[in-house]
Amino acid sequence: MALPLSADKCRCHHLLDPFGDHRAACPTAGVLAIRGFPLESAAARVCREARGRVRRDIFVRDLNVLPAPPNDSRRIEVVVDGLPLFHGAQLAVDTILVSALKRNGEPRTGAADVDGAACTAARRRKMRTYPELSGENRRARLVVLALEVGGRWSREACTFVRGLALARAREEPDLLRKRAALAWHRRYVSILAVAAQRSFGESLLERAAGAGVDGEIPGTQAVLEEARYVC
């Protein structure tokens, strides 16, 4: 379906196509950063529900790593402590929603033949952005929660969310632990997927995306009851 009528040109001075391919991929269209806020909030939410201690929007220049210039604008979206994942390492979670197409509507390199090629490329870009978290002597583990706009998740994102569900379920009795992990996993996947696709749709329509999931953290019983009605 074609998008509603809007401006004919992007900030990069290229024409905006009626199907949103350019707006979905162009870094100067002004929507990529705004699109990320709901996904960041959702990632922080699921980490907090998994019993992690969460901090958000931490500037790299304010951390006790290698000296950074005062004008360094790099920030870590979500920093998580207290989870058993990766042998209890501190986690620096960075979310990204990428398009498998270029601004002109053609597939990115390898995307037509390799599943998740856009997510893999996004992972490499994040490693270059945060070399302090990517070297052999890293003091925190960089987790790139990469999703494609069509719904595909990176393998790293799938593994991470599965680990969060297992971490949340470990406090349950042995008899209930597996079922609880499945229910929490289903909930976390739903929260992240809905946040990503809703923010993507809102950005194509030039609307402000919502902040993310709010409300109290439910207990395992409520999550299990909710899972009963999900196919």
C-alpha atoms as a PDB file:
ATOM      1  CA  MET A   1       0.000   0.000   0.000  1.00  0.00           C
ATOM      2  CA  ALA A   2       1.189   3.493  -0.818  1.00  0.00           C
ATOM      3  CA  LEU A   3       1.749   5.910   2.065  1.00  0.00           C
ATOM      4  CA  PRO A   4      -0.439   9.008   2.519  1.00  0.00           C
ATOM      5  CA  LEU A   5       0.565  12.216   0.781  1.00  0.00           C
ATOM      6  CA  SER A   6       3.589  13.917   2.323  1.00  0.00           C
ATOM      7  CA  ALA A   7       6.680  15.878   1.339  1.00  0.00           C
ATOM      8  CA  ASP A   8       8.196  14.865  -1.990  1.00  0.00           C
ATOM      9  CA  LYS A   9      11.858  15.106  -0.925  1.00  0.00           C
ATOM     10  CA  CYS A  10      13.929  13.829   1.961  1.00  0.00           C
ATOM     11  CA  ARG A  11      16.408  15.936   3.924  1.00  0.00           C
ATOM     12  CA  CYS A  12      19.109  14.339   1.769  1.00  0.00           C
ATOM     13  CA  HIS A  13      17.358  15.953  -1.255  1.00  0.00           C
ATOM     14  CA  HIS A  14      16.410  12.612  -2.826  1.00  0.00           C
ATOM     15  CA  LEU A  15      12.821  11.901  -3.780  1.00  0.00           C
ATOM     16  CA  LEU A  16      10.677  10.022  -1.265  1.00  0.00           C
ATOM     17  CA  ASP A  17       9.061   6.972  -2.832  1.00  0.00           C
ATOM     18  CA  PRO A  18       5.369   6.303  -2.062  1.00  0.00           C
ATOM     19  CA  PHE A  19       6.101   2.919  -0.436  1.00  0.00           C
ATOM     20  CA  GLY A  20       8.499   4.175   2.238  1.00  0.00           C
ATOM     21  CA  ASP A  21      11.680   2.362   1.157  1.00  0.00           C
ATOM     22  CA  HIS A  22      13.732   5.556   1.266  1.00  0.00           C
ATOM     23  CA  ARG A  23      12.363   6.717   4.600  1.00  0.00           C
ATOM     24  CA  ALA A  24      12.921   3.239   6.073  1.00  0.00           C
ATOM     25  CA  ALA A  25      16.647   3.262   5.296  1.00  0.00           C
ATOM     26  CA  CYS A  26      17.885   6.842   4.927  1.00  0.00           C
ATOM     27  CA  PRO A  27      19.972   7.997   7.942  1.00  0.00           C
ATOM     28  CA  THR A  28      19.222  11.662   7.202  1.00  0.00           C
ATOM     29  CA  ALA A  29      15.451  11.329   6.977  1.00  0.00           C
ATOM     30  CA  GLY A  30      15.170  12.203  10.653  1.00  0.00           C
ATOM     31  CA  VAL A  31      13.242   9.091  11.674  1.00  0.00           C
ATOM     32  CA  LEU A  32      15.892   6.485  12.504  1.00  0.00           C
ATOM     33  CA  ALA A  33      16.794   7.925  15.910  1.00  0.00           C
ATOM     34  CA  ILE A  34      13.177   8.626  16.836  1.00  0.00           C
ATOM     35  CA  ARG A  35      12.239   5.122  15.730  1.00  0.00           C
ATOM     36  CA  GLY A  36      14.721   3.660  18.188  1.00  0.00           C
ATOM     37  CA  PHE A  37      13.282   5.161  21.383  1.00  0.00           C
ATOM     38  CA  PRO A  38      10.359   2.716  21.790  1.00  0.00           C
ATOM     39  CA  LEU A  39      12.632  -0.261  21.093  1.00  0.00           C
ATOM     40  CA  GLU A  40      15.136   0.999  23.679  1.00  0.00           C
ATOM     41  CA  SER A  41      12.337   1.335  26.237  1.00  0.00           C
ATOM     42  CA  ALA A  42      11.098  -2.164  25.435  1.00  0.00           C
ATOM     43  CA  ALA A  43      14.606  -3.619  25.813  1.00  0.00           C
ATOM     44  CA  ALA A  44      15.029  -1.892  29.179  1.00  0.00           C
ATOM     45  CA  ARG A  45      11.617  -3.191  30.231  1.00  0.00           C
ATOM     46  CA  VAL A  46      12.309  -6.847  29.471  1.00  0.00           C
ATOM     47  CA  CYS A  47      15.744  -6.678  31.134  1.00  0.00           C
ATOM     48  CA  ARG A  48      14.138  -5.199  34.229  1.00  0.00           C
ATOM     49  CA  GLU A  49      11.439  -7.882  34.225  1.00  0.00           C
ATOM     50  CA  ALA A  50      14.188 -10.509  34.048  1.00  0.00           C
ATOM     51  CA  ARG A  51      15.431  -9.130  37.393  1.00  0.00           C
ATOM     52  CA  GLY A  52      18.314  -7.121  35.958  1.00  0.00           C
ATOM     53  CA  ARG A  53      19.412  -3.757  37.385  1.00  0.00           C
ATOM     54  CA  VAL A  54      18.949  -1.358  34.502  1.00  0.00           C
ATOM     55  CA  ARG A  55      20.414   2.044  33.712  1.00  0.00           C
ATOM     56  CA  ARG A  56      19.614   3.931  30.526  1.00  0.00           C
ATOM     57  CA  ASP A  57      21.269   6.437  28.202  1.00  0.00           C
ATOM     58  CA  ILE A  58      24.775   6.346  29.671  1.00  0.00           C
ATOM     59  CA  PHE A  59      27.323   8.461  27.791  1.00  0.00           C
ATOM     60  CA  VAL A  60      30.577   6.643  27.074  1.00  0.00           C
ATOM     61  CA  ARG A  61      32.510   9.741  28.147  1.00  0.00           C
ATOM     62  CA  ASP A  62      30.998   9.375  31.634  1.00  0.00           C
ATOM     63  CA  LEU A  63      32.194   5.785  32.103  1.00  0.00           C
ATOM     64  CA  ASN A  64      35.478   4.672  33.628  1.00  0.00           C
ATOM     65  CA  VAL A  65      36.871   3.384  30.351  1.00  0.00           C
ATOM     66  CA  LEU A  66      39.526   4.878  28.105  1.00  0.00           C
ATOM     67  CA  PRO A  67      39.516   8.702  28.146  1.00  0.00           C
ATOM     68  CA  ALA A  68      36.957  10.128  25.719  1.00  0.00           C
ATOM     69  CA  PRO A  69      36.738  13.709  24.444  1.00  0.00           C
ATOM     70  CA  PRO A  70      34.168  15.940  26.195  1.00  0.00           C
ATOM     71  CA  ASN A  71      32.152  16.242  22.990  1.00  0.00           C
ATOM     72  CA  ASP A  72      31.847  12.458  22.555  1.00  0.00           C
ATOM     73  CA  SER A  73      28.119  11.931  21.949  1.00  0.00           C
ATOM     74  CA  ARG A  74      28.180   8.128  21.972  1.00  0.00           C
ATOM     75  CA  ARG A  75      25.851   6.632  24.503  1.00  0.00           C
ATOM     76  CA  ILE A  76      24.947   3.149  25.644  1.00  0.00           C
ATOM     77  CA  GLU A  77      21.192   2.715  25.526  1.00  0.00           C
ATOM     78  CA  VAL A  78      20.784   0.094  28.240  1.00  0.00           C
ATOM     79  CA  VAL A  79      23.338  -1.076  30.828  1.00  0.00           C
ATOM     80  CA  VAL A  80      22.299  -4.168  32.792  1.00  0.00           C
ATOM     81  CA  ASP A  81      23.824  -5.742  35.889  1.00  0.00           C
ATOM     82  CA  GLY A  82      22.829  -8.726  37.970  1.00  0.00           C
ATOM     83  CA  LEU A  83      21.811 -11.210  35.271  1.00  0.00           C
ATOM     84  CA  PRO A  84      23.308 -14.713  34.994  1.00  0.00           C
ATOM     85  CA  LEU A  85      23.774 -14.414  31.217  1.00  0.00           C
ATOM     86  CA  PHE A  86      27.324 -14.745  29.847  1.00  0.00           C
ATOM     87  CA  HIS A  87      28.639 -15.840  33.250  1.00  0.00           C
ATOM     88  CA  GLY A  88      27.214 -12.801  34.989  1.00  0.00           C
ATOM     89  CA  ALA A  89      28.954 -10.199  32.808  1.00  0.00           C
ATOM     90  CA  GLN A  90      27.779  -6.617  32.791  1.00  0.00           C
ATOM     91  CA  LEU A  91      25.736  -6.086  29.635  1.00  0.00           C
ATOM     92  CA  ALA A  92      25.712  -3.074  27.319  1.00  0.00           C
ATOM     93  CA  VAL A  93      22.560  -3.525  25.239  1.00  0.00           C
ATOM     94  CA  ASP A  94      22.198  -1.567  22.019  1.00  0.00           C
ATOM     95  CA  THR A  95      19.037  -1.879  19.936  1.00  0.00           C
ATOM     96  CA  ILE A  96      18.731  -1.240  16.233  1.00  0.00           C
ATOM     97  CA  LEU A  97      15.949  -1.602  13.680  1.00  0.00           C
ATOM     98  CA  VAL A  98      17.345  -1.908  10.163  1.00  0.00           C
ATOM     99  CA  SER A  99      15.959  -2.282   6.671  1.00  0.00           C
ATOM    100  CA  ALA A 100      17.161  -5.010   4.321  1.00  0.00           C
ATOM    101  CA  LEU A 101      16.706  -2.501   1.479  1.00  0.00           C
ATOM    102  CA  LYS A 102      18.734   0.545   0.532  1.00  0.00           C
ATOM    103  CA  ARG A 103      17.233   3.998   0.085  1.00  0.00           C
ATOM    104  CA  ASN A 104      16.613   3.274  -3.596  1.00  0.00           C
ATOM    105  CA  GLY A 105      14.659   0.097  -2.809  1.00  0.00           C
ATOM    106  CA  GLU A 106      17.413  -2.324  -3.847  1.00  0.00           C
ATOM    107  CA  PRO A 107      18.542  -5.038  -1.401  1.00  0.00           C
ATOM    108  CA  ARG A 108      21.591  -4.412   0.736  1.00  0.00           C
ATOM    109  CA  THR A 109      24.724  -6.408   0.027  1.00  0.00           C
ATOM    110  CA  GLY A 110      23.970 -10.072   0.637  1.00  0.00           C
ATOM    111  CA  ALA A 111      20.429  -9.434   1.876  1.00  0.00           C
ATOM    112  CA  ALA A 112      18.846 -11.133  -1.135  1.00  0.00           C
ATOM    113  CA  ASP A 113      20.720 -14.378  -0.476  1.00  0.00           C
ATOM    114  CA  VAL A 114      21.586 -14.466   3.235  1.00  0.00           C
ATOM    115  CA  ASP A 115      18.988 -14.413   5.997  1.00  0.00           C
ATOM    116  CA  GLY A 116      19.653 -11.588   8.437  1.00  0.00           C
ATOM    117  CA  ALA A 117      22.452  -9.994   6.402  1.00  0.00           C
ATOM    118  CA  ALA A 118      21.271  -6.518   7.392  1.00  0.00           C
ATOM    119  CA  CYS A 119      21.379  -7.477  11.079  1.00  0.00           C
ATOM    120  CA  THR A 120      24.896  -8.863  10.688  1.00  0.00           C
ATOM    121  CA  ALA A 121      26.063  -5.646   9.050  1.00  0.00           C
ATOM    122  CA  ALA A 122      24.424  -3.629  11.828  1.00  0.00           C
ATOM    123  CA  ARG A 123      26.313  -5.708  14.391  1.00  0.00           C
ATOM    124  CA  ARG A 124      29.632  -4.901  12.717  1.00  0.00           C
ATOM    125  CA  ARG A 125      28.797  -1.186  12.700  1.00  0.00           C
ATOM    126  CA  LYS A 126      28.021  -1.262  16.426  1.00  0.00           C
ATOM    127  CA  MET A 127      31.352  -2.977  17.126  1.00  0.00           C
ATOM    128  CA  ARG A 128      33.133  -0.179  15.296  1.00  0.00           C
ATOM    129  CA  THR A 129      31.112   2.398  17.212  1.00  0.00           C
ATOM    130  CA  TYR A 130      31.989   0.897  20.597  1.00  0.00           C
ATOM    131  CA  PRO A 131      35.552  -0.476  20.323  1.00  0.00           C
ATOM    132  CA  GLU A 132      35.838  -0.213  24.121  1.00  0.00           C
ATOM    133  CA  LEU A 133      33.229  -2.962  24.393  1.00  0.00           C
ATOM    134  CA  SER A 134      34.441  -5.114  21.505  1.00  0.00           C
ATOM    135  CA  GLY A 135      38.092  -5.872  22.298  1.00  0.00           C
ATOM    136  CA  GLU A 136      39.627  -8.843  24.070  1.00  0.00           C
ATOM    137  CA  ASN A 137      39.958  -6.936  27.349  1.00  0.00           C
ATOM    138  CA  ARG A 138      36.383  -5.722  27.388  1.00  0.00           C
ATOM    139  CA  ARG A 139      34.903  -5.118  30.823  1.00  0.00           C
ATOM    140  CA  ALA A 140      31.308  -5.387  29.657  1.00  0.00           C
ATOM    141  CA  ARG A 141      29.680  -7.467  26.967  1.00  0.00           C
ATOM    142  CA  LEU A 142      28.130  -5.657  24.009  1.00  0.00           C
ATOM    143  CA  VAL A 143      24.742  -7.136  23.099  1.00  0.00           C
ATOM    144  CA  VAL A 144      23.309  -5.870  19.812  1.00  0.00           C
ATOM    145  CA  LEU A 145      19.576  -6.456  19.717  1.00  0.00           C
ATOM    146  CA  ALA A 146      19.133  -6.138  15.947  1.00  0.00           C
ATOM    147  CA  LEU A 147      15.780  -6.505  14.177  1.00  0.00           C
ATOM    148  CA  GLU A 148      14.829  -6.020  10.549  1.00  0.00           C
ATOM    149  CA  VAL A 149      11.759  -4.003   9.625  1.00  0.00           C
ATOM    150  CA  GLY A 150      10.159  -7.038   7.987  1.00  0.00           C
ATOM    151  CA  GLY A 151      10.153  -8.899  11.291  1.00  0.00           C
ATOM    152  CA  ARG A 152      13.375 -10.922  11.134  1.00  0.00           C
ATOM    153  CA  TRP A 153      15.549 -11.022  14.263  1.00  0.00           C
ATOM    154  CA  SER A 154      19.288 -11.565  14.475  1.00  0.00           C
ATOM    155  CA  ARG A 155      20.465 -14.801  16.040  1.00  0.00           C
ATOM    156  CA  GLU A 156      22.093 -12.802  18.837  1.00  0.00           C
ATOM    157  CA  ALA A 157      18.785 -11.094  19.642  1.00  0.00           C
ATOM    158  CA  CYS A 158      16.950 -14.436  19.754  1.00  0.00           C
ATOM    159  CA  THR A 159      19.574 -15.969  22.037  1.00  0.00           C
ATOM    160  CA  PHE A 160      19.564 -12.941  24.328  1.00  0.00           C
ATOM    161  CA  VAL A 161      15.793 -12.884  24.782  1.00  0.00           C
ATOM    162  CA  ARG A 162      15.727 -16.625  25.403  1.00  0.00           C
ATOM    163  CA  GLY A 163      18.389 -16.128  28.053  1.00  0.00           C
ATOM    164  CA  LEU A 164      16.336 -13.390  29.705  1.00  0.00           C
ATOM    165  CA  ALA A 165      13.348 -15.724  29.933  1.00  0.00           C
ATOM    166  CA  LEU A 166      15.463 -18.474  31.500  1.00  0.00           C
ATOM    167  CA  ALA A 167      16.937 -15.982  33.949  1.00  0.00           C
ATOM    168  CA  ARG A 168      13.473 -14.825  34.993  1.00  0.00           C
ATOM    169  CA  ALA A 169      12.193 -18.383  35.415  1.00  0.00           C
ATOM    170  CA  ARG A 170      15.089 -19.619  37.537  1.00  0.00           C
ATOM    171  CA  GLU A 171      13.391 -18.437  40.736  1.00  0.00           C
ATOM    172  CA  GLU A 172      10.387 -20.684  40.087  1.00  0.00           C
ATOM    173  CA  PRO A 173      10.055 -24.265  41.400  1.00  0.00           C
ATOM    174  CA  ASP A 174      11.705 -26.923  39.242  1.00  0.00           C
ATOM    175  CA  LEU A 175       8.353 -28.353  38.168  1.00  0.00           C
ATOM    176  CA  LEU A 176       7.170 -24.977  36.864  1.00  0.00           C
ATOM    177  CA  ARG A 177      10.442 -23.561  35.534  1.00  0.00           C
ATOM    178  CA  LYS A 178      10.252 -24.747  31.918  1.00  0.00           C
ATOM    179  CA  ARG A 179       6.660 -23.628  31.457  1.00  0.00           C
ATOM    180  CA  ALA A 180       7.411 -20.281  33.091  1.00  0.00           C
ATOM    181  CA  ALA A 181      10.416 -19.748  30.817  1.00  0.00           C
ATOM    182  CA  LEU A 182       8.257 -20.355  27.731  1.00  0.00           C
ATOM    183  CA  ALA A 183       5.628 -17.913  28.972  1.00  0.00           C
ATOM    184  CA  TRP A 184       8.162 -15.202  29.794  1.00  0.00           C
ATOM    185  CA  HIS A 185       9.879 -15.746  26.439  1.00  0.00           C
ATOM    186  CA  ARG A 186       6.595 -15.300  24.613  1.00  0.00           C
ATOM    187  CA  ARG A 187       5.935 -12.099  26.555  1.00  0.00           C
ATOM    188  CA  TYR A 188       9.385 -10.627  25.882  1.00  0.00           C
ATOM    189  CA  VAL A 189       9.226 -11.420  22.169  1.00  0.00           C
ATOM    190  CA  SER A 190       5.798  -9.789  21.959  1.00  0.00           C
ATOM    191  CA  ILE A 191       6.914  -6.636  23.782  1.00  0.00           C
ATOM    192  CA  LEU A 192       9.962  -6.150  21.559  1.00  0.00           C
ATOM    193  CA  ALA A 193       8.284  -7.078  18.278  1.00  0.00           C
ATOM    194  CA  VAL A 194       5.267  -4.833  18.845  1.00  0.00           C
ATOM    195  CA  ALA A 195       7.481  -1.912  19.915  1.00  0.00           C
ATOM    196  CA  ALA A 196       9.668  -2.294  16.825  1.00  0.00           C
ATOM    197  CA  GLN A 197       6.924  -2.620  14.245  1.00  0.00           C
ATOM    198  CA  ARG A 198       4.680   0.012  15.786  1.00  0.00           C
ATOM    199  CA  SER A 199       7.480   2.581  15.915  1.00  0.00           C
ATOM    200  CA  PHE A 200       8.421   1.709  12.326  1.00  0.00           C
ATOM    201  CA  GLY A 201       4.864   2.210  11.117  1.00  0.00           C
ATOM    202  CA  GLU A 202       4.510   5.477  13.005  1.00  0.00           C
ATOM    203  CA  SER A 203       7.754   6.781  11.512  1.00  0.00           C
ATOM    204  CA  LEU A 204       6.580   6.048   7.958  1.00  0.00           C
ATOM    205  CA  LEU A 205       3.430   8.041   8.701  1.00  0.00           C
ATOM    206  CA  GLU A 206       5.534  10.863  10.201  1.00  0.00           C
ATOM    207  CA  ARG A 207       3.997  10.440  13.628  1.00  0.00           C
ATOM    208  CA  ALA A 208       5.771  10.537  16.967  1.00  0.00           C
ATOM    209  CA  ALA A 209       6.329   7.028  18.287  1.00  0.00           C
ATOM    210  CA  GLY A 210       5.234   6.149  21.809  1.00  0.00           C
ATOM    211  CA  ALA A 211       7.714   5.784  24.637  1.00  0.00           C
ATOM    212  CA  GLY A 212       7.200   2.046  25.085  1.00  0.00           C
ATOM    213  CA  VAL A 213       5.710  -0.344  27.606  1.00  0.00           C
ATOM    214  CA  ASP A 214       4.553   1.083  30.933  1.00  0.00           C
ATOM    215  CA  GLY A 215       2.913  -0.349  34.011  1.00  0.00           C
ATOM    216  CA  GLU A 216       3.858  -2.682  36.811  1.00  0.00           C
ATOM    217  CA  ILE A 217       5.873  -5.821  36.238  1.00  0.00           C
ATOM    218  CA  PRO A 218       3.511  -8.816  36.325  1.00  0.00           C
ATOM    219  CA  GLY A 219       4.131 -11.944  38.341  1.00  0.00           C
ATOM    220  CA  THR A 220       4.681 -15.375  36.860  1.00  0.00           C
ATOM    221  CA  GLN A 221       1.099 -16.424  37.559  1.00  0.00           C
ATOM    222  CA  ALA A 222      -0.269 -13.521  35.522  1.00  0.00           C
ATOM    223  CA  VAL A 223       2.125 -14.290  32.655  1.00  0.00           C
ATOM    224  CA  LEU A 224       1.138 -17.967  32.663  1.00  0.00           C
ATOM    225  CA  GLU A 225      -2.539 -17.065  32.602  1.00  0.00           C
ATOM    226  CA  GLU A 226      -1.931 -14.672  29.738  1.00  0.00           C
ATOM    227  CA  ALA A 227      -0.032 -17.357  27.787  1.00  0.00           C
ATOM    228  CA  ARG A 228      -3.066 -19.648  27.917  1.00  0.00           C
ATOM    229  CA  TYR A 229      -4.873 -17.416  25.425  1.00  0.00           C
ATOM    230  CA  VAL A 230      -1.993 -17.128  22.967  1.00  0.00           C
ATOM    231  CA  CYS A 231      -1.787 -19.661  20.160  1.00  0.00           C
END
